[in-house]
Amino acid sequence: MEEIVWHWYAFEELSGGELYAILKLRQQIFVVEQQCAYQDCDDLDLKSWHLVGWQHADTTAEPVAYLRVIIPESPREMPVIGRLLIHPACRGRGTAGLILSLALNRIEEFYPAASVKIAAQYYLFNFYRKFGFIPASEVFDEDGIPHITMIRPPS
């Protein structure tokens, strides 16, 4: 597989084709692969940054990695990372760690004093701990999958 090309987008910067490819991959992973029937498209996409890893520089290609950062609307809120996914063909190569690092770097650039929140699937608990996230809730069920809220204090 070629090197992944990373792009940040505000929602309004996404073309129809790019948005379609992202939503298709989100459905493939979260709805079909994880057998989780839920409403993926939500109003939070409209006020988020979207980090997309494309197979190559031509963004008509398939996305292979994705996450969104929900931008805080007030100083009391913190950025929230969500919908982090890696295409099955790219798993086991460090892609998840790379996309998470890119997101954390961008958040630190724009919100240097902010903590970061994630509702992590519980099986990924130790993965997120490696990046400084600490548990902030008990394990809870979200759409039939165990999750835990985790917070990463500012660096």
C-alpha atoms as a PDB file:
ATOM      1  CA  MET A   1       0.000   0.000   0.000  1.00  0.00           C
ATOM      2  CA  GLU A   2       1.203   3.498  -0.810  1.00  0.00           C
ATOM      3  CA  GLU A   3       1.964   6.095   1.817  1.00  0.00           C
ATOM      4  CA  ILE A   4      -1.143   7.682   3.302  1.00  0.00           C
ATOM      5  CA  VAL A   5      -1.785  11.339   2.457  1.00  0.00           C
ATOM      6  CA  TRP A   6      -3.436  13.261   5.315  1.00  0.00           C
ATOM      7  CA  HIS A   7      -5.868  16.161   4.930  1.00  0.00           C
ATOM      8  CA  TRP A   8      -7.797  18.243   7.463  1.00  0.00           C
ATOM      9  CA  TYR A   9     -11.202  19.584   6.450  1.00  0.00           C
ATOM     10  CA  ALA A  10     -13.916  21.727   7.934  1.00  0.00           C
ATOM     11  CA  PHE A  11     -17.273  20.178   7.012  1.00  0.00           C
ATOM     12  CA  GLU A  12     -18.007  22.822   4.384  1.00  0.00           C
ATOM     13  CA  GLU A  13     -14.646  22.141   2.692  1.00  0.00           C
ATOM     14  CA  LEU A  14     -15.540  18.528   1.904  1.00  0.00           C
ATOM     15  CA  SER A  15     -16.694  17.893  -1.648  1.00  0.00           C
ATOM     16  CA  GLY A  16     -19.731  15.719  -2.212  1.00  0.00           C
ATOM     17  CA  GLY A  17     -17.480  12.873  -3.367  1.00  0.00           C
ATOM     18  CA  GLU A  18     -15.169  13.170  -0.371  1.00  0.00           C
ATOM     19  CA  LEU A  19     -18.078  13.252   2.059  1.00  0.00           C
ATOM     20  CA  TYR A  20     -19.687  10.248   0.372  1.00  0.00           C
ATOM     21  CA  ALA A  21     -16.426   8.258   0.616  1.00  0.00           C
ATOM     22  CA  ILE A  22     -16.058   9.120   4.316  1.00  0.00           C
ATOM     23  CA  LEU A  23     -19.643   8.212   5.185  1.00  0.00           C
ATOM     24  CA  LYS A  24     -19.378   4.994   3.178  1.00  0.00           C
ATOM     25  CA  LEU A  25     -16.272   3.961   5.156  1.00  0.00           C
ATOM     26  CA  ARG A  26     -17.887   4.919   8.465  1.00  0.00           C
ATOM     27  CA  GLN A  27     -20.871   2.711   7.601  1.00  0.00           C
ATOM     28  CA  GLN A  28     -18.569  -0.118   6.514  1.00  0.00           C
ATOM     29  CA  ILE A  29     -16.726  -0.097   9.837  1.00  0.00           C
ATOM     30  CA  PHE A  30     -19.239   1.006  12.457  1.00  0.00           C
ATOM     31  CA  VAL A  31     -22.512  -0.360  11.073  1.00  0.00           C
ATOM     32  CA  VAL A  32     -21.576  -3.423   8.995  1.00  0.00           C
ATOM     33  CA  GLU A  33     -18.283  -4.705  10.489  1.00  0.00           C
ATOM     34  CA  GLN A  34     -19.231  -3.982  14.105  1.00  0.00           C
ATOM     35  CA  GLN A  35     -22.862  -4.981  13.506  1.00  0.00           C
ATOM     36  CA  CYS A  36     -24.097  -1.834  15.202  1.00  0.00           C
ATOM     37  CA  ALA A  37     -27.284  -0.285  13.879  1.00  0.00           C
ATOM     38  CA  TYR A  38     -27.183   3.395  14.828  1.00  0.00           C
ATOM     39  CA  GLN A  39     -27.604   6.839  13.275  1.00  0.00           C
ATOM     40  CA  ASP A  40     -24.070   7.667  12.119  1.00  0.00           C
ATOM     41  CA  CYS A  41     -24.765  11.044  10.513  1.00  0.00           C
ATOM     42  CA  ASP A  42     -25.379  13.591  13.219  1.00  0.00           C
ATOM     43  CA  ASP A  43     -25.272  17.337  13.520  1.00  0.00           C
ATOM     44  CA  LEU A  44     -21.856  17.083  15.194  1.00  0.00           C
ATOM     45  CA  ASP A  45     -20.222  16.508  11.802  1.00  0.00           C
ATOM     46  CA  LEU A  46     -21.221  20.046  10.843  1.00  0.00           C
ATOM     47  CA  LYS A  47     -19.122  21.607  13.622  1.00  0.00           C
ATOM     48  CA  SER A  48     -16.126  19.279  13.494  1.00  0.00           C
ATOM     49  CA  TRP A  49     -12.729  19.110  11.911  1.00  0.00           C
ATOM     50  CA  HIS A  50     -12.361  15.976   9.793  1.00  0.00           C
ATOM     51  CA  LEU A  51      -8.976  14.277   9.388  1.00  0.00           C
ATOM     52  CA  VAL A  52      -8.880  11.921   6.429  1.00  0.00           C
ATOM     53  CA  GLY A  53      -6.093   9.603   5.354  1.00  0.00           C
ATOM     54  CA  TRP A  54      -6.307   8.992   1.608  1.00  0.00           C
ATOM     55  CA  GLN A  55      -4.650   6.115  -0.254  1.00  0.00           C
ATOM     56  CA  HIS A  56      -2.714   8.678  -2.280  1.00  0.00           C
ATOM     57  CA  ALA A  57      -2.781  12.387  -3.150  1.00  0.00           C
ATOM     58  CA  ASP A  58      -5.789  11.975  -5.452  1.00  0.00           C
ATOM     59  CA  THR A  59      -8.720  12.371  -3.058  1.00  0.00           C
ATOM     60  CA  THR A  60     -11.006  10.527  -5.465  1.00  0.00           C
ATOM     61  CA  ALA A  61      -9.295   7.446  -4.012  1.00  0.00           C
ATOM     62  CA  GLU A  62     -10.680   5.553  -1.049  1.00  0.00           C
ATOM     63  CA  PRO A  63     -10.098   6.974   2.416  1.00  0.00           C
ATOM     64  CA  VAL A  64      -8.183   4.507   4.583  1.00  0.00           C
ATOM     65  CA  ALA A  65      -8.294   6.329   7.920  1.00  0.00           C
ATOM     66  CA  TYR A  66     -10.588   8.892   9.466  1.00  0.00           C
ATOM     67  CA  LEU A  67     -11.509  10.733  12.638  1.00  0.00           C
ATOM     68  CA  ARG A  68     -13.347  13.863  13.585  1.00  0.00           C
ATOM     69  CA  VAL A  69     -12.627  16.446  16.249  1.00  0.00           C
ATOM     70  CA  ILE A  70     -15.722  18.115  17.640  1.00  0.00           C
ATOM     71  CA  ILE A  71     -14.746  21.733  18.188  1.00  0.00           C
ATOM     72  CA  PRO A  72     -15.675  23.221  21.570  1.00  0.00           C
ATOM     73  CA  GLU A  73     -18.358  25.893  21.440  1.00  0.00           C
ATOM     74  CA  SER A  74     -17.362  27.537  24.725  1.00  0.00           C
ATOM     75  CA  PRO A  75     -14.250  27.795  26.920  1.00  0.00           C
ATOM     76  CA  ARG A  76     -15.855  25.362  29.402  1.00  0.00           C
ATOM     77  CA  GLU A  77     -16.013  22.592  26.800  1.00  0.00           C
ATOM     78  CA  MET A  78     -13.168  20.433  25.564  1.00  0.00           C
ATOM     79  CA  PRO A  79     -12.413  19.089  22.092  1.00  0.00           C
ATOM     80  CA  VAL A  80     -13.809  15.591  21.543  1.00  0.00           C
ATOM     81  CA  ILE A  81     -12.225  12.991  19.263  1.00  0.00           C
ATOM     82  CA  GLY A  82     -14.667  10.603  17.674  1.00  0.00           C
ATOM     83  CA  ARG A  83     -15.393   8.207  14.822  1.00  0.00           C
ATOM     84  CA  LEU A  84     -11.729   7.119  14.683  1.00  0.00           C
ATOM     85  CA  LEU A  85     -11.430   4.285  12.198  1.00  0.00           C
ATOM     86  CA  ILE A  86      -8.858   2.473  10.111  1.00  0.00           C
ATOM     87  CA  HIS A  87      -9.704   0.578   6.916  1.00  0.00           C
ATOM     88  CA  PRO A  88      -9.131  -3.174   7.480  1.00  0.00           C
ATOM     89  CA  ALA A  89      -6.352  -3.215   4.853  1.00  0.00           C
ATOM     90  CA  CYS A  90      -4.338  -0.677   6.889  1.00  0.00           C
ATOM     91  CA  ARG A  91      -4.660  -2.170  10.359  1.00  0.00           C
ATOM     92  CA  GLY A  92      -1.625  -3.431  12.239  1.00  0.00           C
ATOM     93  CA  ARG A  93       0.714  -0.852  10.679  1.00  0.00           C
ATOM     94  CA  GLY A  94       0.583   1.911  13.281  1.00  0.00           C
ATOM     95  CA  THR A  95      -1.990   3.928  11.345  1.00  0.00           C
ATOM     96  CA  ALA A  96      -4.284   4.360  14.365  1.00  0.00           C
ATOM     97  CA  GLY A  97      -1.459   5.759  16.460  1.00  0.00           C
ATOM     98  CA  LEU A  98      -0.438   8.081  13.649  1.00  0.00           C
ATOM     99  CA  ILE A  99      -3.912   9.527  13.058  1.00  0.00           C
ATOM    100  CA  LEU A 100      -4.453   9.973  16.806  1.00  0.00           C
ATOM    101  CA  SER A 101      -1.081  11.755  17.141  1.00  0.00           C
ATOM    102  CA  LEU A 102      -1.950  14.065  14.244  1.00  0.00           C
ATOM    103  CA  ALA A 103      -5.265  14.921  15.898  1.00  0.00           C
ATOM    104  CA  LEU A 104      -3.695  15.556  19.304  1.00  0.00           C
ATOM    105  CA  ASN A 105      -1.036  17.797  17.728  1.00  0.00           C
ATOM    106  CA  ARG A 106      -3.698  19.886  15.972  1.00  0.00           C
ATOM    107  CA  ILE A 107      -5.774  20.178  19.132  1.00  0.00           C
ATOM    108  CA  GLU A 108      -2.687  21.302  21.088  1.00  0.00           C
ATOM    109  CA  GLU A 109      -1.973  23.898  18.388  1.00  0.00           C
ATOM    110  CA  PHE A 110      -5.459  25.460  18.570  1.00  0.00           C
ATOM    111  CA  TYR A 111      -6.391  24.657  22.196  1.00  0.00           C
ATOM    112  CA  PRO A 112      -3.098  24.409  24.124  1.00  0.00           C
ATOM    113  CA  ALA A 113      -4.719  24.536  27.577  1.00  0.00           C
ATOM    114  CA  ALA A 114      -7.577  22.143  26.806  1.00  0.00           C
ATOM    115  CA  SER A 115      -8.122  18.585  27.898  1.00  0.00           C
ATOM    116  CA  VAL A 116      -9.319  16.194  25.190  1.00  0.00           C
ATOM    117  CA  LYS A 117     -12.236  13.789  25.551  1.00  0.00           C
ATOM    118  CA  ILE A 118     -13.007  10.507  23.830  1.00  0.00           C
ATOM    119  CA  ALA A 119     -15.729   7.898  24.303  1.00  0.00           C
ATOM    120  CA  ALA A 120     -13.508   4.902  23.634  1.00  0.00           C
ATOM    121  CA  GLN A 121     -14.603   1.408  22.816  1.00  0.00           C
ATOM    122  CA  TYR A 122     -13.474  -0.408  25.934  1.00  0.00           C
ATOM    123  CA  TYR A 123     -11.297  -2.947  24.127  1.00  0.00           C
ATOM    124  CA  LEU A 124      -9.114   0.031  23.070  1.00  0.00           C
ATOM    125  CA  PHE A 125      -8.621   1.255  26.654  1.00  0.00           C
ATOM    126  CA  ASN A 126      -4.886   0.428  26.784  1.00  0.00           C
ATOM    127  CA  PHE A 127      -4.283   1.915  23.330  1.00  0.00           C
ATOM    128  CA  TYR A 128      -5.629   5.299  24.467  1.00  0.00           C
ATOM    129  CA  ARG A 129      -3.761   5.123  27.793  1.00  0.00           C
ATOM    130  CA  LYS A 130      -0.503   5.078  25.794  1.00  0.00           C
ATOM    131  CA  PHE A 131      -1.477   8.540  24.526  1.00  0.00           C
ATOM    132  CA  GLY A 132      -2.115   9.956  27.996  1.00  0.00           C
ATOM    133  CA  PHE A 133      -5.863   9.366  28.245  1.00  0.00           C
ATOM    134  CA  ILE A 134      -7.182   8.436  31.676  1.00  0.00           C
ATOM    135  CA  PRO A 135     -10.575   6.917  32.560  1.00  0.00           C
ATOM    136  CA  ALA A 136     -13.293   9.440  33.402  1.00  0.00           C
ATOM    137  CA  SER A 137     -16.282   7.106  33.710  1.00  0.00           C
ATOM    138  CA  GLU A 138     -17.297   3.573  34.425  1.00  0.00           C
ATOM    139  CA  VAL A 139     -17.727   1.250  31.446  1.00  0.00           C
ATOM    140  CA  PHE A 140     -21.085   1.860  29.755  1.00  0.00           C
ATOM    141  CA  ASP A 141     -23.041   0.404  26.867  1.00  0.00           C
ATOM    142  CA  GLU A 142     -23.350   2.497  23.724  1.00  0.00           C
ATOM    143  CA  ASP A 143     -25.269   0.844  20.899  1.00  0.00           C
ATOM    144  CA  GLY A 144     -24.448  -2.621  22.238  1.00  0.00           C
ATOM    145  CA  ILE A 145     -20.685  -1.998  22.531  1.00  0.00           C
ATOM    146  CA  PRO A 146     -18.861  -1.420  25.865  1.00  0.00           C
ATOM    147  CA  HIS A 147     -17.374   2.095  26.006  1.00  0.00           C
ATOM    148  CA  ILE A 148     -15.531   4.229  28.532  1.00  0.00           C
ATOM    149  CA  THR A 149     -15.141   8.002  28.623  1.00  0.00           C
ATOM    150  CA  MET A 150     -11.483   8.993  28.752  1.00  0.00           C
ATOM    151  CA  ILE A 151      -9.849  12.398  29.187  1.00  0.00           C
ATOM    152  CA  ARG A 152      -6.359  13.497  28.189  1.00  0.00           C
ATOM    153  CA  PRO A 153      -5.151  16.397  30.342  1.00  0.00           C
ATOM    154  CA  PRO A 154      -3.305  19.232  28.584  1.00  0.00           C
ATOM    155  CA  SER A 155       0.417  18.656  28.006  1.00  0.00           C
END
